[in-house]
Amino acid sequence: MDEPTLFGISKSYWDMLNGFANWFAAASSFLAAGMALYIANRSAKPSAKLSVGHRIIFGQGGAKPYPEFAVFRIVNTGDRPIRIIQLGWKVGLIRKRYAIQMHEAMQSSPLPIELSHGQEASWSIPLSARQEPWLEYFAKNLLTPNYRIGLWTLRAQAFTSVGFVFESKPEEGLLKRLKGASQKLATLDG
């Protein structure tokens, strides 16, 4: 008796093709499970955009010189809420140094603060509210002895309650002011 055919293909050939179908189904299931784990793990990490820069505050009736601030700003870009507990700085290549940044409470968001998707918070650091202006104090205590490497490696940090740290390079305007303060200190020391 002849072997049955479908579209001119024998039954034994169809059986062999069906054997490969099981292998493809198993591989597809494995890839789908891997992709689901990847997506679940990716969404578990907090995601936010941190920036820090120099700002001048103008106001009606304000007189020169206008108040100047270094302003930290963070926006939650992830799906999960994040809780920011502290602000700081990191500088250095091999021997890294860290500093905690205090802020002006009246013109800043409270700490700690919880941010859900799309929410933002900002913290202001007055540049001239102390006997020693903030720029010079910062340059002397964190950017020395080699301020060029210090400015190149300087990163602002925002710490979360679960140990995740968001980092950002300061904006050019703030870096220029810090460079000027560092050069001023270098000429005084030299």
C-alpha atoms as a PDB file:
ATOM      1  CA  MET A   1       0.000   0.000   0.000  1.00  0.00           C
ATOM      2  CA  ASP A   2       1.231   3.462  -0.833  1.00  0.00           C
ATOM      3  CA  GLU A   3       1.974   6.036   1.850  1.00  0.00           C
ATOM      4  CA  PRO A   4      -0.675   8.787   2.002  1.00  0.00           C
ATOM      5  CA  THR A   5       0.360  12.262   0.822  1.00  0.00           C
ATOM      6  CA  LEU A   6      -0.847  15.807   1.400  1.00  0.00           C
ATOM      7  CA  PHE A   7       0.153  18.505  -1.086  1.00  0.00           C
ATOM      8  CA  GLY A   8       2.505  15.969  -2.574  1.00  0.00           C
ATOM      9  CA  ILE A   9       4.399  15.428   0.700  1.00  0.00           C
ATOM     10  CA  SER A  10       4.522  11.978   2.305  1.00  0.00           C
ATOM     11  CA  LYS A  11       3.257  11.194   5.803  1.00  0.00           C
ATOM     12  CA  SER A  12       6.747  10.294   7.111  1.00  0.00           C
ATOM     13  CA  TYR A  13       8.069  13.676   5.928  1.00  0.00           C
ATOM     14  CA  TRP A  14       5.157  15.428   7.704  1.00  0.00           C
ATOM     15  CA  ASP A  15       5.946  13.479  10.884  1.00  0.00           C
ATOM     16  CA  MET A  16       9.552  14.650  10.741  1.00  0.00           C
ATOM     17  CA  LEU A  17       8.446  18.306  10.306  1.00  0.00           C
ATOM     18  CA  ASN A  18       6.066  17.982  13.275  1.00  0.00           C
ATOM     19  CA  GLY A  19       8.989  16.817  15.416  1.00  0.00           C
ATOM     20  CA  PHE A  20      10.769  20.119  14.733  1.00  0.00           C
ATOM     21  CA  ALA A  21       7.608  22.026  15.641  1.00  0.00           C
ATOM     22  CA  ASN A  22       7.889  20.775  19.225  1.00  0.00           C
ATOM     23  CA  TRP A  23      11.480  22.010  19.395  1.00  0.00           C
ATOM     24  CA  PHE A  24      10.486  25.454  18.061  1.00  0.00           C
ATOM     25  CA  ALA A  25       7.584  25.652  20.542  1.00  0.00           C
ATOM     26  CA  ALA A  26       9.916  24.812  23.446  1.00  0.00           C
ATOM     27  CA  ALA A  27      12.494  27.393  22.336  1.00  0.00           C
ATOM     28  CA  SER A  28       9.781  30.042  21.927  1.00  0.00           C
ATOM     29  CA  SER A  29       8.437  29.309  25.416  1.00  0.00           C
ATOM     30  CA  PHE A  30      11.948  29.618  26.854  1.00  0.00           C
ATOM     31  CA  LEU A  31      12.502  32.977  25.091  1.00  0.00           C
ATOM     32  CA  ALA A  32       9.106  34.295  26.238  1.00  0.00           C
ATOM     33  CA  ALA A  33       9.876  33.392  29.872  1.00  0.00           C
ATOM     34  CA  GLY A  34      13.311  35.044  29.606  1.00  0.00           C
ATOM     35  CA  MET A  35      11.803  38.220  28.148  1.00  0.00           C
ATOM     36  CA  ALA A  36       9.169  38.350  30.910  1.00  0.00           C
ATOM     37  CA  LEU A  37      11.895  38.061  33.565  1.00  0.00           C
ATOM     38  CA  TYR A  38      13.946  40.772  31.845  1.00  0.00           C
ATOM     39  CA  ILE A  39      10.980  43.169  31.739  1.00  0.00           C
ATOM     40  CA  ALA A  40      10.052  42.441  35.360  1.00  0.00           C
ATOM     41  CA  ASN A  41      13.635  42.975  36.526  1.00  0.00           C
ATOM     42  CA  ARG A  42      14.037  46.165  34.501  1.00  0.00           C
ATOM     43  CA  SER A  43      10.909  47.742  35.974  1.00  0.00           C
ATOM     44  CA  ALA A  44      12.059  46.803  39.496  1.00  0.00           C
ATOM     45  CA  LYS A  45      14.967  49.266  39.310  1.00  0.00           C
ATOM     46  CA  PRO A  46      14.195  52.862  40.211  1.00  0.00           C
ATOM     47  CA  SER A  47      14.602  55.403  37.445  1.00  0.00           C
ATOM     48  CA  ALA A  48      15.011  59.161  37.824  1.00  0.00           C
ATOM     49  CA  LYS A  49      16.753  62.133  36.228  1.00  0.00           C
ATOM     50  CA  LEU A  50      18.964  64.223  38.503  1.00  0.00           C
ATOM     51  CA  SER A  51      20.380  67.622  37.599  1.00  0.00           C
ATOM     52  CA  VAL A  52      22.284  70.288  39.512  1.00  0.00           C
ATOM     53  CA  GLY A  53      23.055  73.745  38.270  1.00  0.00           C
ATOM     54  CA  HIS A  54      23.534  77.429  39.008  1.00  0.00           C
ATOM     55  CA  ARG A  55      20.337  79.506  39.304  1.00  0.00           C
ATOM     56  CA  ILE A  56      19.619  83.200  39.886  1.00  0.00           C
ATOM     57  CA  ILE A  57      16.314  84.144  41.506  1.00  0.00           C
ATOM     58  CA  PHE A  58      14.545  87.190  40.097  1.00  0.00           C
ATOM     59  CA  GLY A  59      11.551  88.744  41.717  1.00  0.00           C
ATOM     60  CA  GLN A  60       9.398  91.786  41.387  1.00  0.00           C
ATOM     61  CA  GLY A  61      10.930  94.541  43.449  1.00  0.00           C
ATOM     62  CA  GLY A  62      14.161  92.591  43.840  1.00  0.00           C
ATOM     63  CA  ALA A  63      17.412  94.493  43.759  1.00  0.00           C
ATOM     64  CA  LYS A  64      20.818  93.534  42.452  1.00  0.00           C
ATOM     65  CA  PRO A  65      22.740  91.513  43.317  1.00  0.00           C
ATOM     66  CA  TYR A  66      20.083  88.841  42.875  1.00  0.00           C
ATOM     67  CA  PRO A  67      20.368  85.781  45.123  1.00  0.00           C
ATOM     68  CA  GLU A  68      22.303  82.900  43.541  1.00  0.00           C
ATOM     69  CA  PHE A  69      21.789  79.214  44.288  1.00  0.00           C
ATOM     70  CA  ALA A  70      23.077  75.789  43.367  1.00  0.00           C
ATOM     71  CA  VAL A  71      19.878  73.801  42.774  1.00  0.00           C
ATOM     72  CA  PHE A  72      19.469  70.018  42.854  1.00  0.00           C
ATOM     73  CA  ARG A  73      16.424  68.797  40.898  1.00  0.00           C
ATOM     74  CA  ILE A  74      15.214  65.208  40.540  1.00  0.00           C
ATOM     75  CA  VAL A  75      12.311  63.822  38.495  1.00  0.00           C
ATOM     76  CA  ASN A  76      11.027  60.259  38.900  1.00  0.00           C
ATOM     77  CA  THR A  77      10.975  58.796  35.380  1.00  0.00           C
ATOM     78  CA  GLY A  78      10.246  55.232  36.487  1.00  0.00           C
ATOM     79  CA  ASP A  79       7.041  53.352  37.182  1.00  0.00           C
ATOM     80  CA  ARG A  80       7.790  52.767  40.857  1.00  0.00           C
ATOM     81  CA  PRO A  81       7.864  55.373  43.618  1.00  0.00           C
ATOM     82  CA  ILE A  82      11.270  56.429  44.951  1.00  0.00           C
ATOM     83  CA  ARG A  83      12.122  57.883  48.351  1.00  0.00           C
ATOM     84  CA  ILE A  84      14.989  60.389  48.353  1.00  0.00           C
ATOM     85  CA  ILE A  85      16.675  60.608  51.748  1.00  0.00           C
ATOM     86  CA  GLN A  86      19.897  62.563  51.178  1.00  0.00           C
ATOM     87  CA  LEU A  87      21.899  64.680  48.722  1.00  0.00           C
ATOM     88  CA  GLY A  88      25.630  64.633  48.233  1.00  0.00           C
ATOM     89  CA  TRP A  89      28.718  64.844  46.062  1.00  0.00           C
ATOM     90  CA  LYS A  90      31.360  62.411  44.796  1.00  0.00           C
ATOM     91  CA  VAL A  91      34.759  63.462  43.440  1.00  0.00           C
ATOM     92  CA  GLY A  92      37.967  61.672  42.447  1.00  0.00           C
ATOM     93  CA  LEU A  93      39.241  58.876  40.252  1.00  0.00           C
ATOM     94  CA  ILE A  94      41.148  56.461  42.456  1.00  0.00           C
ATOM     95  CA  ARG A  95      40.778  57.995  45.898  1.00  0.00           C
ATOM     96  CA  LYS A  96      37.163  59.046  45.792  1.00  0.00           C
ATOM     97  CA  ARG A  97      35.831  61.532  48.304  1.00  0.00           C
ATOM     98  CA  TYR A  98      32.216  61.981  49.296  1.00  0.00           C
ATOM     99  CA  ALA A  99      30.302  64.832  50.917  1.00  0.00           C
ATOM    100  CA  ILE A 100      26.755  65.301  52.175  1.00  0.00           C
ATOM    101  CA  GLN A 101      25.068  68.467  50.941  1.00  0.00           C
ATOM    102  CA  MET A 102      22.951  70.558  53.294  1.00  0.00           C
ATOM    103  CA  HIS A 103      20.257  72.765  51.747  1.00  0.00           C
ATOM    104  CA  GLU A 104      18.099  75.799  52.483  1.00  0.00           C
ATOM    105  CA  ALA A 105      14.935  74.348  54.059  1.00  0.00           C
ATOM    106  CA  MET A 106      12.682  77.338  53.283  1.00  0.00           C
ATOM    107  CA  GLN A 107      13.205  77.151  49.498  1.00  0.00           C
ATOM    108  CA  SER A 108      13.518  73.380  49.132  1.00  0.00           C
ATOM    109  CA  SER A 109      11.503  70.197  49.161  1.00  0.00           C
ATOM    110  CA  PRO A 110      11.546  68.331  52.475  1.00  0.00           C
ATOM    111  CA  LEU A 111      13.860  65.377  53.013  1.00  0.00           C
ATOM    112  CA  PRO A 112      13.050  62.536  52.994  1.00  0.00           C
ATOM    113  CA  ILE A 113      10.522  62.789  50.161  1.00  0.00           C
ATOM    114  CA  GLU A 114       8.635  60.150  48.205  1.00  0.00           C
ATOM    115  CA  LEU A 115       8.161  60.736  44.483  1.00  0.00           C
ATOM    116  CA  SER A 116       5.822  58.744  42.275  1.00  0.00           C
ATOM    117  CA  HIS A 117       6.044  58.673  38.464  1.00  0.00           C
ATOM    118  CA  GLY A 118       6.452  62.154  36.985  1.00  0.00           C
ATOM    119  CA  GLN A 119       6.811  63.983  40.299  1.00  0.00           C
ATOM    120  CA  GLU A 120       9.817  66.176  40.996  1.00  0.00           C
ATOM    121  CA  ALA A 121      11.585  67.785  43.922  1.00  0.00           C
ATOM    122  CA  SER A 122      14.267  70.457  44.192  1.00  0.00           C
ATOM    123  CA  TRP A 123      16.700  71.681  46.829  1.00  0.00           C
ATOM    124  CA  SER A 124      18.411  75.089  46.894  1.00  0.00           C
ATOM    125  CA  ILE A 125      21.870  75.810  48.288  1.00  0.00           C
ATOM    126  CA  PRO A 126      22.541  79.556  48.707  1.00  0.00           C
ATOM    127  CA  LEU A 127      25.897  80.523  47.267  1.00  0.00           C
ATOM    128  CA  SER A 128      26.508  83.556  49.496  1.00  0.00           C
ATOM    129  CA  ALA A 129      24.648  82.935  52.760  1.00  0.00           C
ATOM    130  CA  ARG A 130      27.761  82.199  54.850  1.00  0.00           C
ATOM    131  CA  GLN A 131      30.873  84.035  55.996  1.00  0.00           C
ATOM    132  CA  GLU A 132      32.838  81.991  53.482  1.00  0.00           C
ATOM    133  CA  PRO A 133      30.837  81.764  50.218  1.00  0.00           C
ATOM    134  CA  TRP A 134      29.738  78.248  49.250  1.00  0.00           C
ATOM    135  CA  LEU A 135      31.753  78.148  46.017  1.00  0.00           C
ATOM    136  CA  GLU A 136      35.054  78.878  47.793  1.00  0.00           C
ATOM    137  CA  TYR A 137      34.221  76.571  50.699  1.00  0.00           C
ATOM    138  CA  PHE A 138      33.336  73.747  48.286  1.00  0.00           C
ATOM    139  CA  ALA A 139      36.439  74.286  46.138  1.00  0.00           C
ATOM    140  CA  LYS A 140      38.745  74.376  49.180  1.00  0.00           C
ATOM    141  CA  ASN A 141      37.321  71.301  50.898  1.00  0.00           C
ATOM    142  CA  LEU A 142      36.366  68.994  48.030  1.00  0.00           C
ATOM    143  CA  LEU A 143      38.189  69.989  44.831  1.00  0.00           C
ATOM    144  CA  THR A 144      41.728  70.432  46.145  1.00  0.00           C
ATOM    145  CA  PRO A 145      44.586  69.577  45.664  1.00  0.00           C
ATOM    146  CA  ASN A 146      44.073  69.221  41.867  1.00  0.00           C
ATOM    147  CA  TYR A 147      40.904  71.100  41.001  1.00  0.00           C
ATOM    148  CA  ARG A 148      41.034  70.173  37.291  1.00  0.00           C
ATOM    149  CA  ILE A 149      40.658  66.456  38.041  1.00  0.00           C
ATOM    150  CA  GLY A 150      38.178  67.326  40.786  1.00  0.00           C
ATOM    151  CA  LEU A 151      35.941  69.261  38.377  1.00  0.00           C
ATOM    152  CA  TRP A 152      36.265  66.556  35.720  1.00  0.00           C
ATOM    153  CA  THR A 153      35.159  63.788  38.125  1.00  0.00           C
ATOM    154  CA  LEU A 154      32.626  65.790  40.169  1.00  0.00           C
ATOM    155  CA  ARG A 155      29.170  64.168  40.403  1.00  0.00           C
ATOM    156  CA  ALA A 156      26.058  65.214  42.283  1.00  0.00           C
ATOM    157  CA  GLN A 157      24.255  62.368  44.042  1.00  0.00           C
ATOM    158  CA  ALA A 158      20.750  61.689  45.332  1.00  0.00           C
ATOM    159  CA  PHE A 159      20.398  58.700  47.667  1.00  0.00           C
ATOM    160  CA  THR A 160      17.266  56.547  47.964  1.00  0.00           C
ATOM    161  CA  SER A 161      16.012  54.648  50.979  1.00  0.00           C
ATOM    162  CA  VAL A 162      16.694  51.310  49.238  1.00  0.00           C
ATOM    163  CA  GLY A 163      20.362  52.104  48.580  1.00  0.00           C
ATOM    164  CA  PHE A 164      20.110  53.173  44.950  1.00  0.00           C
ATOM    165  CA  VAL A 165      22.128  56.308  44.095  1.00  0.00           C
ATOM    166  CA  PHE A 166      21.312  58.634  41.205  1.00  0.00           C
ATOM    167  CA  GLU A 167      24.278  60.600  39.833  1.00  0.00           C
ATOM    168  CA  SER A 168      24.650  63.574  37.540  1.00  0.00           C
ATOM    169  CA  LYS A 169      27.461  65.769  36.293  1.00  0.00           C
ATOM    170  CA  PRO A 170      26.834  69.402  37.298  1.00  0.00           C
ATOM    171  CA  GLU A 171      25.714  71.793  34.567  1.00  0.00           C
ATOM    172  CA  GLU A 172      28.319  73.952  32.811  1.00  0.00           C
ATOM    173  CA  GLY A 173      27.281  77.158  34.589  1.00  0.00           C
ATOM    174  CA  LEU A 174      27.977  75.684  38.025  1.00  0.00           C
ATOM    175  CA  LEU A 175      31.210  74.046  36.848  1.00  0.00           C
ATOM    176  CA  LYS A 176      32.463  77.416  35.537  1.00  0.00           C
ATOM    177  CA  ARG A 177      31.730  79.090  38.868  1.00  0.00           C
ATOM    178  CA  LEU A 178      33.491  76.279  40.761  1.00  0.00           C
ATOM    179  CA  LYS A 179      36.467  76.544  38.393  1.00  0.00           C
ATOM    180  CA  GLY A 180      36.668  80.292  39.025  1.00  0.00           C
ATOM    181  CA  ALA A 181      36.582  79.759  42.801  1.00  0.00           C
ATOM    182  CA  SER A 182      39.264  77.041  42.525  1.00  0.00           C
ATOM    183  CA  GLN A 183      41.529  79.261  40.414  1.00  0.00           C
ATOM    184  CA  LYS A 184      41.066  82.100  42.902  1.00  0.00           C
ATOM    185  CA  LEU A 185      42.164  79.780  45.738  1.00  0.00           C
ATOM    186  CA  ALA A 186      45.121  78.515  43.691  1.00  0.00           C
ATOM    187  CA  THR A 187      46.398  82.054  43.133  1.00  0.00           C
ATOM    188  CA  LEU A 188      46.026  82.862  46.840  1.00  0.00           C
ATOM    189  CA  ASP A 189      47.903  79.696  47.834  1.00  0.00           C
ATOM    190  CA  GLY A 190      50.583  80.038  45.145  1.00  0.00           C
END
